[in-house]
Amino acid sequence: MRILVAMSGGVDSSVAALLLKRQGHDVVGATMKLWGGVSDSGCCSVADVADARMVANKIGIEHHVFNFTEEFEEKVVSHYVHSYADGLTPNPCIECNRSIKFDIFIDRAVRLGFDFVATGHYARVEESGGKRRLMRGLDSNKDQSYVISMIGQSRLDRLMLPIGAMEKEKVRQIASDAGLITAQKPDSQDVCFIASTTSRVEFLSKRTKLTPAKVVESGSGALLGEVESREVVTIGQRKGLGTLGDSTRRYVVDVDTETNTVVMGRLEETYTETIRFGPVTFIGDAIEEGQRVEIQTSAHGRITAATFHGDHVIVDGTVRRVAAGQTVAFYDGNCVLGSAVVAR
């Protein structure tokens, strides 16, 4: 089979390419150039491209660079900025997976005649009843099924995940034994298009007008303080709001974009029984009304039992409220059923 491996310049995708090459496949590596600005904290640097190329040379495969900077700017960076301006809290890594890595990258691979695309994500693809299913990665500490839960069935049918059944230590050992330069390279962190020396407020202020907001107490409406930008305030936040210095612990329970007001309340006010969301991307069959599912609302977050009702779930007990713009993924045990973006 001809397989195009998305090589980020990290150890995981390096080993994915190595394993497929050892299995006798016709393997080609490709690194996506996504961000044209300053980057020192993510997977978009010049050094990452160089590392990927060195790994490809070491294992004896071709390596290419695909320039998707315009698409990344439009579909990920602009989406990030506009979401904050609209009072949402986006997840840029999931949006990058949705719009770039598992969309235009796969389309490019198909046009070039490849049978499959492979990545270094810690998740698994299994065959069952003639259909392919997305499963949690074997290493629960590294499981990345949540961040690729937005993939639809047609994209999943083109995907291979060679390291999904491995633990991270094993992956690093394989890379070390093979003499790959990425063997001990740290995992990428944070938002790749915001440098570690740049704050979120600073980044957004250069791309959109930020809005000051008053901070008030839930119930009484008493003024507690002000924030310079309501765009970067999110549900559940406690620190960095410049509120009056008393001993009461308060958490953000609402951000009103119409009145530019941040409402803070008690911890118990941050809990809910219901999570509402927009259209669901299903993997395989649609989830039925009233079906029992498990949900996850962050990459390594709590797994909660719930009942599915089309545009919302009702959880067993309560969960911390999830900021609009984030993603909720639906599971049946280790099998990913799909995901959706949380609504207000």
Protein backbone atom coordinates (compact mmCIF):
# COMPACT_ATOMS: atom_id res chain seq x y z
CA MET A 1 0.00 0.00 0.00
CA ARG A 2 1.08 3.58 -0.62
CA ILE A 3 0.90 5.51 2.64
CA LEU A 4 1.52 9.21 3.22
CA VAL A 5 2.67 9.85 6.78
CA ALA A 6 2.04 13.25 8.36
CA MET A 7 5.43 13.88 9.98
CA SER A 8 5.34 16.69 12.53
CA GLY A 9 9.00 16.43 13.47
CA GLY A 10 8.17 14.67 16.73
CA VAL A 11 8.92 11.17 17.96
CA ASP A 12 5.41 9.77 17.52
CA SER A 13 5.03 10.44 13.79
CA SER A 14 8.68 9.44 13.28
CA VAL A 15 8.02 5.98 14.73
CA ALA A 16 4.74 5.72 12.82
CA ALA A 17 6.66 6.16 9.56
CA LEU A 18 9.39 3.76 10.67
CA LEU A 19 6.95 0.99 11.57
CA LEU A 20 5.07 1.25 8.28
CA LYS A 21 8.34 1.19 6.35
CA ARG A 22 9.41 -1.96 8.24
CA GLN A 23 6.08 -3.58 7.36
CA GLY A 24 6.97 -3.25 3.69
CA HIS A 25 4.62 -0.45 2.67
CA ASP A 26 5.48 2.24 0.13
CA VAL A 27 5.88 5.10 2.61
CA VAL A 28 6.36 8.81 1.96
CA GLY A 29 6.63 11.48 4.65
CA ALA A 30 5.09 14.94 4.46
CA THR A 31 5.35 17.82 6.90
CA MET A 32 2.70 20.51 6.87
CA LYS A 33 3.95 24.08 7.00
CA LEU A 34 1.07 25.73 8.78
CA TRP A 35 2.09 28.88 10.57
CA GLY A 36 4.10 31.63 8.93
CA GLY A 37 4.66 33.70 12.08
CA VAL A 38 6.83 33.32 15.16
CA SER A 39 6.47 29.92 16.81
CA ASP A 40 8.49 28.40 19.63
CA SER A 41 5.95 26.30 21.49
CA GLY A 42 4.12 24.13 19.00
CA CYS A 43 4.62 21.96 15.92
CA CYS A 44 5.11 24.58 13.21
CA SER A 45 8.75 25.61 13.49
CA VAL A 46 11.53 25.41 10.92
CA ALA A 47 13.37 23.07 13.29
CA ASP A 48 10.45 20.63 13.21
CA VAL A 49 10.58 20.47 9.42
CA ALA A 50 14.34 19.83 9.59
CA ASP A 51 13.88 17.07 12.18
CA ALA A 52 11.21 15.37 10.07
CA ARG A 53 13.46 15.49 7.01
CA MET A 54 16.38 13.99 8.94
CA VAL A 55 14.17 11.16 10.21
CA ALA A 56 12.90 10.47 6.68
CA ASN A 57 16.48 10.30 5.39
CA LYS A 58 17.45 7.98 8.23
CA ILE A 59 14.69 5.46 7.55
CA GLY A 60 15.00 5.76 3.78
CA ILE A 61 11.78 7.42 2.63
CA GLU A 62 10.96 10.48 0.57
CA HIS A 63 10.01 13.63 2.43
CA HIS A 64 7.97 16.60 1.23
CA VAL A 65 6.69 19.85 2.73
CA PHE A 66 3.11 20.91 2.05
CA ASN A 67 2.52 24.63 2.43
CA PHE A 68 -0.92 25.11 4.01
CA THR A 69 -0.23 28.50 5.62
CA GLU A 70 -3.11 30.27 3.87
CA GLU A 71 -5.59 27.54 4.77
CA PHE A 72 -4.32 27.46 8.36
CA GLU A 73 -4.68 31.22 8.69
CA GLU A 74 -8.23 31.14 7.35
CA LYS A 75 -9.58 28.00 8.99
CA VAL A 76 -7.70 27.86 12.29
CA VAL A 77 -6.19 31.22 13.28
CA SER A 78 -9.08 33.37 12.05
CA HIS A 79 -11.55 30.92 13.55
CA TYR A 80 -9.68 31.19 16.86
CA VAL A 81 -9.83 35.00 16.86
CA HIS A 82 -13.47 35.25 15.71
CA SER A 83 -14.56 32.66 18.26
CA TYR A 84 -13.13 34.65 21.14
CA ALA A 85 -14.69 37.83 19.74
CA ASP A 86 -18.06 36.03 19.76
CA GLY A 87 -17.70 34.96 23.38
CA LEU A 88 -16.65 31.38 22.64
CA THR A 89 -13.66 29.40 23.89
CA PRO A 90 -12.22 27.55 20.87
CA ASN A 91 -9.92 24.54 20.74
CA PRO A 92 -7.46 25.36 17.92
CA CYS A 93 -5.86 21.89 17.90
CA ILE A 94 -9.20 20.22 17.24
CA GLU A 95 -10.04 22.82 14.59
CA CYS A 96 -6.67 22.16 12.93
CA ASN A 97 -7.41 18.44 12.90
CA ARG A 98 -10.89 19.06 11.51
CA SER A 99 -9.96 21.53 8.78
CA ILE A 100 -6.34 20.76 7.91
CA LYS A 101 -4.82 17.46 9.03
CA PHE A 102 -7.88 15.29 8.42
CA ASP A 103 -9.36 17.28 5.57
CA ILE A 104 -7.13 19.03 3.05
CA PHE A 105 -4.14 16.83 3.91
CA ILE A 106 -6.15 13.68 3.20
CA ASP A 107 -7.54 15.26 0.01
CA ARG A 108 -3.98 16.01 -1.12
CA ALA A 109 -2.93 12.44 -0.39
CA VAL A 110 -5.81 10.99 -2.42
CA ARG A 111 -5.03 13.25 -5.37
CA LEU A 112 -1.41 12.09 -5.24
CA GLY A 113 -2.50 8.46 -5.44
CA PHE A 114 -1.96 7.32 -1.84
CA ASP A 115 -4.16 4.61 -0.38
CA PHE A 116 -3.93 5.80 3.23
CA VAL A 117 -2.74 8.63 5.44
CA ALA A 118 -1.00 7.83 8.73
CA THR A 119 -0.35 9.97 11.79
CA GLY A 120 1.34 9.53 15.16
CA HIS A 121 -1.80 9.95 17.24
CA TYR A 122 -2.40 7.70 20.23
CA ALA A 123 -5.68 6.20 19.08
CA ARG A 124 -6.59 3.02 17.21
CA VAL A 125 -8.57 2.07 14.11
CA GLU A 126 -10.31 -1.30 14.25
CA GLU A 127 -12.38 -3.23 11.73
CA SER A 128 -15.76 -4.55 12.88
CA GLY A 129 -18.68 -5.76 10.76
CA GLY A 130 -17.13 -4.37 7.60
CA LYS A 131 -16.76 -0.90 9.15
CA ARG A 132 -13.77 0.87 10.62
CA ARG A 133 -14.12 2.21 14.17
CA LEU A 134 -12.07 4.79 16.04
CA MET A 135 -10.92 3.52 19.44
CA ARG A 136 -9.09 4.97 22.41
CA GLY A 137 -5.31 4.59 22.45
CA LEU A 138 -3.88 1.78 24.58
CA ASP A 139 -1.82 4.21 26.70
CA SER A 140 -4.52 5.95 28.74
CA ASN A 141 -2.09 8.69 29.76
CA LYS A 142 -1.49 9.58 26.11
CA ASP A 143 -4.87 8.70 24.55
CA GLN A 144 -5.67 11.26 21.83
CA SER A 145 -9.00 9.91 20.61
CA TYR A 146 -10.70 13.02 21.98
CA VAL A 147 -8.76 15.45 19.76
CA ILE A 148 -9.52 13.44 16.62
CA SER A 149 -13.12 12.61 17.55
CA MET A 150 -14.28 15.11 14.91
CA ILE A 151 -13.22 12.84 12.07
CA GLY A 152 -16.08 11.47 9.98
CA GLN A 153 -16.38 7.94 8.63
CA SER A 154 -15.10 8.79 5.13
CA ARG A 155 -11.91 10.27 6.59
CA LEU A 156 -11.49 7.42 9.05
CA ASP A 157 -11.60 4.97 6.14
CA ARG A 158 -8.38 6.58 4.84
CA LEU A 159 -6.56 6.67 8.18
CA MET A 160 -3.87 4.49 9.79
CA LEU A 161 -2.64 4.98 13.36
CA PRO A 162 0.45 2.77 13.73
CA ILE A 163 1.36 3.60 17.36
CA GLY A 164 -2.13 3.63 18.87
CA ALA A 165 -1.66 0.26 20.55
CA MET A 166 1.69 1.25 22.12
CA GLU A 167 2.75 3.03 25.26
CA LYS A 168 4.86 6.16 24.99
CA GLU A 169 7.92 4.54 26.57
CA LYS A 170 7.88 1.83 23.91
CA VAL A 171 7.62 4.43 21.14
CA ARG A 172 10.64 6.31 22.48
CA GLN A 173 12.59 3.05 22.82
CA ILE A 174 11.91 2.13 19.19
CA ALA A 175 13.07 5.57 18.09
CA SER A 176 16.20 5.33 20.24
CA ASP A 177 17.10 1.85 18.98
CA ALA A 178 16.72 3.10 15.42
CA GLY A 179 18.93 6.13 16.08
CA LEU A 180 16.25 8.68 15.27
CA ILE A 181 17.04 12.27 16.20
CA THR A 182 13.54 12.72 17.65
CA ALA A 183 13.83 9.86 20.19
CA GLN A 184 13.99 12.12 23.26
CA LYS A 185 12.38 15.22 21.78
CA PRO A 186 9.79 16.75 24.17
CA ASP A 187 6.13 16.73 23.18
CA SER A 188 4.83 19.98 21.68
CA GLN A 189 2.84 22.16 24.04
CA ASP A 190 0.41 25.07 23.93
CA VAL A 191 -1.05 26.83 20.91
CA CYS A 192 1.47 26.52 18.07
CA PHE A 193 0.81 29.99 16.62
CA ILE A 194 1.25 31.91 19.87
CA ALA A 195 4.87 32.21 21.04
CA SER A 196 5.59 31.42 24.69
CA THR A 197 6.61 35.05 25.24
CA THR A 198 3.25 36.33 23.92
CA SER A 199 0.06 36.34 25.99
CA ARG A 200 -3.31 35.41 24.55
CA VAL A 201 -4.52 38.99 25.16
CA GLU A 202 -1.53 40.38 23.28
CA PHE A 203 -2.07 38.03 20.34
CA LEU A 204 -5.80 38.75 20.08
CA SER A 205 -5.36 42.51 20.50
CA LYS A 206 -3.39 42.63 17.25
CA ARG A 207 -6.19 40.91 15.35
CA THR A 208 -9.44 42.11 16.91
CA LYS A 209 -10.78 44.84 19.15
CA LEU A 210 -10.86 43.72 22.78
CA THR A 211 -13.79 44.67 24.99
CA PRO A 212 -13.53 45.78 28.64
CA ALA A 213 -16.17 44.26 30.90
CA LYS A 214 -17.49 44.73 34.40
CA VAL A 215 -17.37 41.83 36.83
CA VAL A 216 -20.44 41.32 39.01
CA GLU A 217 -21.66 38.95 41.70
CA SER A 218 -24.19 36.30 40.74
CA GLY A 219 -27.58 36.98 42.30
CA SER A 220 -26.90 40.37 43.89
CA GLY A 221 -25.33 41.96 40.82
CA ALA A 222 -22.82 43.72 43.09
CA LEU A 223 -19.84 45.16 41.23
CA LEU A 224 -16.67 43.19 41.94
CA GLY A 225 -14.24 44.74 39.49
CA GLU A 226 -13.36 45.00 35.81
CA VAL A 227 -11.43 43.06 33.19
CA GLU A 228 -9.64 44.56 30.21
CA SER A 229 -10.94 41.90 27.84
CA ARG A 230 -14.05 39.78 28.23
CA GLU A 231 -12.96 37.85 25.13
CA VAL A 232 -10.41 35.82 27.12
CA VAL A 233 -12.66 35.09 30.10
CA THR A 234 -14.03 31.54 30.18
CA ILE A 235 -16.58 29.59 32.20
CA GLY A 236 -15.13 28.22 35.43
CA GLN A 237 -12.22 30.68 35.53
CA ARG A 238 -11.23 31.87 38.99
CA LYS A 239 -7.94 33.76 38.72
CA GLY A 240 -6.77 36.79 36.81
CA LEU A 241 -10.03 38.74 36.97
CA GLY A 242 -8.99 41.64 39.16
CA THR A 243 -11.92 41.24 41.53
CA LEU A 244 -12.16 42.75 44.99
CA GLY A 245 -9.77 41.09 47.38
CA ASP A 246 -11.94 39.33 49.94
CA SER A 247 -11.80 35.74 51.13
CA THR A 248 -14.66 34.46 48.95
CA ARG A 249 -13.74 32.06 46.18
CA ARG A 250 -15.67 32.96 43.06
CA TYR A 251 -15.81 31.37 39.62
CA VAL A 252 -17.03 32.66 36.27
CA VAL A 253 -20.56 31.33 35.72
CA ASP A 254 -21.56 33.48 32.75
CA VAL A 255 -20.11 35.90 30.19
CA ASP A 256 -22.78 38.20 28.73
CA THR A 257 -21.52 39.50 25.38
CA GLU A 258 -24.52 41.82 24.97
CA THR A 259 -23.89 43.80 28.16
CA ASN A 260 -20.15 43.03 28.43
CA THR A 261 -20.61 41.58 31.88
CA VAL A 262 -18.75 38.75 33.57
CA VAL A 263 -20.82 37.06 36.26
CA MET A 264 -19.04 35.27 39.11
CA GLY A 265 -20.61 32.90 41.60
CA ARG A 266 -20.04 30.00 43.94
CA LEU A 267 -18.35 26.77 42.92
CA GLU A 268 -21.65 24.88 42.90
CA GLU A 269 -22.97 27.32 40.27
CA THR A 270 -20.35 26.03 37.84
CA TYR A 271 -21.97 22.57 37.79
CA THR A 272 -24.74 21.42 35.48
CA GLU A 273 -26.74 18.34 34.50
CA THR A 274 -27.05 19.32 30.83
CA ILE A 275 -24.55 19.99 28.04
CA ARG A 276 -25.94 21.46 24.82
CA PHE A 277 -24.14 21.28 21.49
CA GLY A 278 -24.45 21.92 17.78
CA PRO A 279 -24.50 19.41 14.89
CA VAL A 280 -22.84 16.09 15.70
CA THR A 281 -20.21 14.49 13.47
CA PHE A 282 -20.89 10.78 13.79
CA ILE A 283 -18.38 8.02 13.17
CA GLY A 284 -20.48 5.20 11.79
CA ASP A 285 -24.12 5.01 12.81
CA ALA A 286 -25.86 8.00 14.37
CA ILE A 287 -26.41 7.97 18.12
CA GLU A 288 -30.05 7.24 18.83
CA GLU A 289 -32.39 9.35 20.96
CA GLY A 290 -32.17 8.19 24.54
CA GLN A 291 -29.02 6.13 23.94
CA ARG A 292 -26.65 5.75 26.85
CA VAL A 293 -23.18 7.13 26.12
CA GLU A 294 -20.07 8.29 27.90
CA ILE A 295 -18.80 11.82 27.30
CA GLN A 296 -15.44 13.54 27.57
CA THR A 297 -15.01 17.32 27.36
CA SER A 298 -11.22 17.72 27.41
CA ALA A 299 -8.20 15.80 26.14
CA HIS A 300 -7.64 13.84 29.35
CA GLY A 301 -10.75 14.87 31.22
CA ARG A 302 -13.23 12.99 33.35
CA ILE A 303 -15.33 10.33 31.62
CA THR A 304 -18.99 10.78 32.50
CA ALA A 305 -22.04 8.59 31.79
CA ALA A 306 -24.92 10.41 30.09
CA THR A 307 -28.08 10.04 28.01
CA PHE A 308 -28.06 11.40 24.45
CA HIS A 309 -30.94 13.64 23.29
CA GLY A 310 -30.04 14.95 19.82
CA ASP A 311 -28.77 18.43 20.70
CA HIS A 312 -27.89 17.83 24.34
CA VAL A 313 -26.94 15.19 26.86
CA ILE A 314 -28.14 14.79 30.42
CA VAL A 315 -25.35 13.48 32.60
CA ASP A 316 -25.59 11.15 35.55
CA GLY A 317 -25.21 13.51 38.50
CA THR A 318 -23.51 16.78 37.57
CA VAL A 319 -20.39 17.97 35.74
CA ARG A 320 -18.50 21.24 35.57
CA ARG A 321 -20.02 23.46 32.90
CA VAL A 322 -18.19 23.40 29.58
CA ALA A 323 -17.43 26.66 27.81
CA ALA A 324 -19.24 27.19 24.51
CA GLY A 325 -16.83 26.54 21.64
CA GLN A 326 -15.19 23.56 23.30
CA THR A 327 -15.77 19.99 22.10
CA VAL A 328 -17.75 17.16 23.66
CA ALA A 329 -16.87 13.65 22.45
CA PHE A 330 -19.21 10.67 22.74
CA TYR A 331 -18.03 7.14 23.52
CA ASP A 332 -19.34 3.62 23.88
CA GLY A 333 -16.64 2.18 26.13
CA ASN A 334 -13.39 2.59 24.17
CA CYS A 335 -15.16 3.27 20.88
CA VAL A 336 -15.57 6.88 19.71
CA LEU A 337 -19.09 7.53 18.41
CA GLY A 338 -18.56 11.13 17.34
CA SER A 339 -18.33 14.66 18.70
CA ALA A 340 -19.86 18.13 18.60
CA VAL A 341 -19.04 21.71 19.54
CA VAL A 342 -20.61 22.86 22.79
CA ALA A 343 -23.28 25.56 22.41
CA ARG A 344 -24.31 28.35 24.77
